Amino acid sequence: MKFTVGFQTQPLNPMQSMPRQPVTRSNHPCPCLVAVQFPHRNLTCTYFNDRFELHPGDRVYVEGKLEGHMGQVTHVDYNFKIKLSQYKKVIGMVETRVKGRFIAVGNHLLTRDAHTLPYEQARTWFLPPDTDEEPYVSYSDGEHFPLRDLTQFNVDPEVAQEGHEIYMEDQVVYWEVDHTKGRAIVNTLQPYEIEFTYQDGQISNLTCGCYHAGVCMHRVAAILQLRESLSLLEQNKPEWLNEEYLAAVEKDAFVEFAMHNQHPVNVTLE
C-alpha cells in the first residue's frame, strides 16, 4: 500500500506571524541582514548573509561565538547600510526540502534514490559546515569482517555494550551506502561521522570522526544499525539489496527537519 505525504507544516518559530509565501531559491542570492534565533541560548542576533537565499523559518549556521550551533531565521532585511567588520556571517544553511520515495524499515525510512536525501544534505541536519583547517591523517590496515557475523568484529566488550545502547536509542540518525562507500551519522551528545567500505557483505576501512583510538561506540552503533536495516530489507524488499545506492534516515529526525519547515513535503511512503 502506498500513500503520499504532501503537506505544509508550520515553522518551529512560534513568533513568526507574517503571511507565508511560497519559497523559491535563487543561484544568485541578494545580500541581506538576517535575525537568527538560538532557542537554547534564549538569544537572537543579526548576521550578514550573501551566500544563501534565506527566508523566515530557515535554519542556519553562523560564524563567531555561536559557530557550531544551529539557529533559525526570524527576519530578513534587504534594506541596510553596514560596516562589514561589525557583522559576522551566515556560513551554512540546513537544506530541509525532500522529494522522493521511502519505505519504512524499522525506525528508519529508507530510499534507493541518490537524489532523495543524499549524505551532503542530511549532514546539514546534524553538523555545521566543516571549517576546521587542521590537517588530519586517516589510515586503515585493511581489517574486515562480515556484517552478518559480528563475532569477528574485534571490539572491547564495554565499548560494544555502549555502542549497543546508542543503537537501541536510535541515535544512528542516518546511513548511506553508495556502491561500496558507506557513511553514517551517529548523534549522541554531539554528532559524529562514520566512514566505511561495504563490499560483498564485508565491512572494512571503518573510521569515526571522534578520533578515538581503537574501535569506538559510535562505530559499533553504526554497524548494528546497518545490519538491522539490511536484514529487515532482505525480509521485505529483497530486490533492493541489489541496488547500488541505499540510504536511511531515522523517522523522528525526518519529521523534525523535513516536515517542520516552510517547504511543502513531497514524499511517497510505500
Protein backbone atom coordinates (compact mmCIF):
# COMPACT_ATOMS: atom_id res chain seq x y z
CA MET A 1 0.00 0.00 0.00
CA LYS A 2 1.31 3.42 -0.92
CA PHE A 3 0.30 6.83 0.29
CA THR A 4 1.67 10.28 -0.38
CA VAL A 5 2.62 12.71 2.33
CA GLY A 6 2.31 16.19 0.84
CA PHE A 7 1.53 18.88 3.34
CA GLN A 8 2.98 22.08 4.66
CA THR A 9 3.67 22.42 8.37
CA GLN A 10 4.32 25.49 10.50
CA PRO A 11 7.94 26.53 11.16
CA LEU A 12 9.48 25.81 14.54
CA ASN A 13 9.49 29.51 15.47
CA PRO A 14 6.09 30.24 17.06
CA MET A 15 6.77 34.00 16.92
CA GLN A 16 6.60 34.03 13.13
CA SER A 17 3.22 35.55 12.26
CA MET A 18 3.64 37.13 8.83
CA PRO A 19 1.74 35.58 5.90
CA ARG A 20 3.77 32.76 4.45
CA GLN A 21 4.77 32.93 0.81
CA PRO A 22 5.93 30.07 -1.42
CA VAL A 23 9.69 29.66 -1.02
CA THR A 24 11.84 29.87 -4.11
CA ARG A 25 15.62 29.56 -4.30
CA SER A 26 17.99 31.53 -6.49
CA ASN A 27 21.51 30.77 -7.67
CA HIS A 28 22.31 34.46 -7.11
CA PRO A 29 21.01 35.42 -3.66
CA CYS A 30 20.75 39.09 -2.73
CA PRO A 31 22.86 40.31 0.22
CA CYS A 32 20.79 40.75 3.34
CA LEU A 33 20.81 41.05 7.10
CA VAL A 34 19.11 38.21 8.93
CA ALA A 35 17.94 37.92 12.52
CA VAL A 36 18.76 34.44 13.81
CA GLN A 37 17.23 32.97 16.95
CA PHE A 38 19.11 30.44 19.09
CA PRO A 39 16.42 28.97 21.41
CA HIS A 40 18.88 27.01 23.56
CA ARG A 41 20.63 30.29 24.39
CA ASN A 42 17.45 32.39 24.51
CA LEU A 43 19.26 34.75 22.16
CA THR A 44 18.61 36.45 18.81
CA CYS A 45 21.50 38.01 16.85
CA THR A 46 21.83 39.69 13.45
CA TYR A 47 24.19 38.40 10.75
CA PHE A 48 25.22 39.40 7.25
CA ASN A 49 24.37 36.93 4.50
CA ASP A 50 25.50 36.94 0.87
CA ARG A 51 25.66 33.19 0.18
CA PHE A 52 22.12 31.85 0.58
CA GLU A 53 18.60 32.88 -0.29
CA LEU A 54 17.07 32.87 3.16
CA HIS A 55 13.51 33.13 4.43
CA PRO A 56 11.99 33.24 7.92
CA GLY A 57 11.92 29.69 9.25
CA ASP A 58 15.15 28.59 7.55
CA ARG A 59 17.75 27.06 9.84
CA VAL A 60 21.33 28.21 9.52
CA TYR A 61 24.84 28.06 10.94
CA VAL A 62 26.87 31.20 11.60
CA GLU A 63 30.43 32.22 12.37
CA GLY A 64 31.53 33.84 15.61
CA LYS A 65 30.78 32.88 19.21
CA LEU A 66 27.76 30.79 18.18
CA GLU A 67 29.61 28.86 15.48
CA GLY A 68 28.57 25.23 15.50
CA HIS A 69 25.11 25.99 16.88
CA MET A 70 22.04 25.78 14.66
CA GLY A 71 19.79 28.84 14.65
CA GLN A 72 16.54 29.78 12.95
CA VAL A 73 15.97 32.83 10.78
CA THR A 74 13.21 35.05 12.14
CA HIS A 75 13.56 38.12 9.91
CA VAL A 76 15.28 39.08 6.63
CA ASP A 77 16.18 42.71 5.78
CA TYR A 78 17.20 43.77 2.26
CA ASN A 79 17.46 47.50 3.07
CA PHE A 80 20.62 48.29 5.02
CA LYS A 81 23.96 50.02 5.13
CA ILE A 82 26.56 48.48 7.42
CA LYS A 83 30.26 48.13 8.08
CA LEU A 84 31.09 44.51 7.30
CA SER A 85 33.72 44.43 10.03
CA GLN A 86 30.94 44.76 12.61
CA TYR A 87 28.93 41.72 11.49
CA LYS A 88 29.56 38.00 11.48
CA LYS A 89 28.31 35.96 8.53
CA VAL A 90 25.92 33.10 7.85
CA ILE A 91 28.17 30.22 6.77
CA GLY A 92 25.73 27.34 6.26
CA MET A 93 22.08 26.60 5.60
CA VAL A 94 20.15 23.49 6.58
CA GLU A 95 18.52 22.11 3.42
CA THR A 96 15.21 20.60 4.51
CA ARG A 97 13.49 20.08 1.16
CA VAL A 98 12.95 16.39 0.48
CA LYS A 99 11.29 14.90 -2.56
CA GLY A 100 11.23 11.20 -3.30
CA ARG A 101 10.17 7.73 -2.25
CA PHE A 102 10.88 5.91 1.01
CA ILE A 103 9.95 2.63 2.62
CA ALA A 104 9.68 2.13 6.38
CA VAL A 105 12.42 -0.18 7.68
CA GLY A 106 12.18 -0.46 11.45
CA ASN A 107 12.55 3.01 12.93
CA HIS A 108 14.16 4.35 9.77
CA LEU A 109 12.91 5.48 6.36
CA LEU A 110 14.94 4.03 3.51
CA THR A 111 15.39 5.21 -0.08
CA ARG A 112 17.25 3.81 -3.06
CA ASP A 113 17.31 7.14 -4.93
CA ALA A 114 20.62 9.00 -4.55
CA HIS A 115 18.84 12.33 -5.10
CA THR A 116 16.16 11.95 -2.40
CA LEU A 117 18.25 12.55 0.72
CA PRO A 118 21.98 12.43 -0.10
CA TYR A 119 24.61 12.47 2.62
CA GLU A 120 25.67 16.05 1.93
CA GLN A 121 22.11 17.24 2.62
CA ALA A 122 21.49 15.02 5.65
CA ARG A 123 24.79 16.18 7.11
CA THR A 124 23.46 19.75 7.38
CA TRP A 125 20.65 18.47 9.63
CA PHE A 126 23.11 17.46 12.32
CA LEU A 127 26.52 19.03 11.70
CA PRO A 128 27.74 22.56 10.97
CA PRO A 129 29.91 23.26 7.92
CA ASP A 130 33.41 21.88 8.33
CA THR A 131 35.65 24.91 8.93
CA ASP A 132 38.45 23.07 10.72
CA GLU A 133 41.61 23.63 8.69
CA GLU A 134 43.76 21.46 10.94
CA PRO A 135 45.13 18.55 8.87
CA TYR A 136 44.35 15.02 9.95
CA VAL A 137 45.62 11.60 8.97
CA SER A 138 43.45 8.58 8.22
CA TYR A 139 44.74 5.05 7.72
CA SER A 140 43.25 1.57 7.64
CA ASP A 141 45.08 -1.72 7.94
CA GLY A 142 42.52 -3.48 5.73
CA GLU A 143 40.93 -5.45 8.55
CA HIS A 144 37.45 -6.63 7.59
CA PHE A 145 34.59 -8.67 8.97
CA PRO A 146 31.24 -9.97 7.67
CA LEU A 147 28.24 -7.82 8.51
CA ARG A 148 26.15 -10.93 9.20
CA ASP A 149 28.59 -12.29 11.78
CA LEU A 150 29.75 -9.58 14.17
CA THR A 151 31.56 -12.10 16.35
CA GLN A 152 34.50 -11.34 14.05
CA PHE A 153 34.21 -7.62 14.83
CA ASN A 154 37.16 -7.04 17.17
CA VAL A 155 35.83 -4.67 19.83
CA ASP A 156 36.16 -4.27 23.60
CA PRO A 157 33.08 -5.72 25.41
CA GLU A 158 32.42 -2.48 27.32
CA VAL A 159 32.60 -0.43 24.14
CA ALA A 160 30.34 -2.96 22.41
CA GLN A 161 27.75 -2.53 25.17
CA GLU A 162 27.89 1.27 24.92
CA GLY A 163 27.51 1.06 21.14
CA HIS A 164 24.56 -1.28 21.50
CA GLU A 165 22.83 1.21 23.81
CA ILE A 166 23.34 4.02 21.28
CA TYR A 167 21.92 1.80 18.53
CA MET A 168 18.91 0.83 20.66
CA GLU A 169 18.19 4.51 21.34
CA ASP A 170 18.01 5.19 17.57
CA GLN A 171 20.92 7.59 17.70
CA VAL A 172 22.22 6.37 14.37
CA VAL A 173 20.23 9.06 12.59
CA TYR A 174 21.46 8.45 9.04
CA TRP A 175 23.43 5.99 6.97
CA GLU A 176 24.25 5.72 3.29
CA VAL A 177 25.91 3.13 1.07
CA ASP A 178 26.87 4.43 -2.37
CA HIS A 179 28.28 1.50 -4.36
CA THR A 180 30.93 0.36 -1.83
CA LYS A 181 31.39 3.66 0.04
CA GLY A 182 29.49 3.85 3.32
CA ARG A 183 28.85 6.78 5.63
CA ALA A 184 26.75 7.29 8.75
CA ILE A 185 25.93 9.94 11.33
CA VAL A 186 25.65 8.99 14.99
CA ASN A 187 24.05 11.73 17.08
CA THR A 188 24.95 11.27 20.75
CA LEU A 189 25.89 14.27 22.93
CA GLN A 190 27.29 15.58 19.68
CA PRO A 191 27.14 14.15 16.17
CA TYR A 192 29.94 12.07 14.69
CA GLU A 193 30.59 10.97 11.12
CA ILE A 194 31.36 7.33 10.38
CA GLU A 195 33.01 6.10 7.18
CA PHE A 196 33.40 2.53 5.98
CA THR A 197 33.58 0.27 2.96
CA TYR A 198 30.83 -2.28 2.36
CA GLN A 199 31.54 -4.83 -0.34
CA ASP A 200 30.43 -8.44 -0.80
CA GLY A 201 28.88 -8.42 2.68
CA GLN A 202 32.16 -7.34 4.29
CA ILE A 203 32.86 -4.20 6.35
CA SER A 204 36.31 -2.62 6.17
CA ASN A 205 38.05 0.76 6.49
CA LEU A 206 35.80 1.63 9.45
CA THR A 207 36.63 5.05 10.93
CA CYS A 208 34.91 7.65 13.12
CA GLY A 209 35.23 11.41 13.47
CA CYS A 210 35.57 11.17 17.25
CA TYR A 211 39.23 10.23 16.61
CA HIS A 212 39.11 7.62 19.38
CA ALA A 213 41.99 5.17 19.36
CA GLY A 214 40.59 1.73 18.65
CA VAL A 215 37.01 0.84 17.85
CA CYS A 216 34.63 3.36 19.42
CA MET A 217 30.98 3.03 20.46
CA HIS A 218 29.86 5.17 17.51
CA ARG A 219 31.29 2.70 15.01
CA VAL A 220 29.63 -0.19 16.85
CA ALA A 221 26.25 1.57 16.79
CA ALA A 222 26.51 2.40 13.08
CA ILE A 223 27.32 -1.18 12.13
CA LEU A 224 24.50 -2.56 14.27
CA GLN A 225 22.03 -0.18 12.62
CA LEU A 226 23.26 -1.03 9.14
CA ARG A 227 22.93 -4.75 9.88
CA GLU A 228 19.39 -4.33 11.22
CA SER A 229 18.24 -2.20 8.28
CA LEU A 230 19.64 -4.54 5.66
CA SER A 231 18.21 -7.57 7.48
CA LEU A 232 14.72 -6.03 7.51
CA LEU A 233 15.14 -5.03 3.88
CA GLU A 234 16.02 -8.62 3.00
CA GLN A 235 12.74 -9.75 4.57
CA ASN A 236 10.51 -7.15 2.92
CA LYS A 237 12.25 -5.85 -0.22
CA PRO A 238 14.99 -8.35 -1.05
CA GLU A 239 15.34 -6.99 -4.58
CA TRP A 240 16.54 -3.68 -3.11
CA LEU A 241 19.68 -5.37 -1.81
CA ASN A 242 20.96 -5.35 -5.38
CA GLU A 243 20.74 -1.56 -5.59
CA GLU A 244 23.99 0.38 -5.93
CA TYR A 245 22.67 3.10 -3.62
CA LEU A 246 20.76 2.91 -0.33
CA ALA A 247 20.24 5.48 2.40
CA ALA A 248 18.16 5.59 5.58
CA VAL A 249 17.14 8.35 7.98
CA GLU A 250 15.72 7.95 11.48
CA LYS A 251 11.98 8.70 11.50
CA ASP A 252 11.94 11.36 14.24
CA ALA A 253 14.80 13.23 12.57
CA PHE A 254 12.92 13.13 9.28
CA VAL A 255 9.80 14.57 10.89
CA GLU A 256 11.74 17.32 12.64
CA PHE A 257 13.68 18.53 9.62
CA ALA A 258 11.66 17.58 6.55
CA MET A 259 8.19 18.35 7.89
CA HIS A 260 8.73 21.16 10.42
CA ASN A 261 9.70 23.74 7.81
CA GLN A 262 8.12 26.14 5.35
CA HIS A 263 8.56 23.87 2.34
CA PRO A 264 5.82 21.57 1.08
CA VAL A 265 6.75 17.93 1.64
CA ASN A 266 6.61 15.72 -1.45
CA VAL A 267 7.32 12.22 -0.21
CA THR A 268 5.83 8.85 -1.05
CA LEU A 269 5.93 6.13 1.60
CA GLU A 270 5.50 2.55 0.42
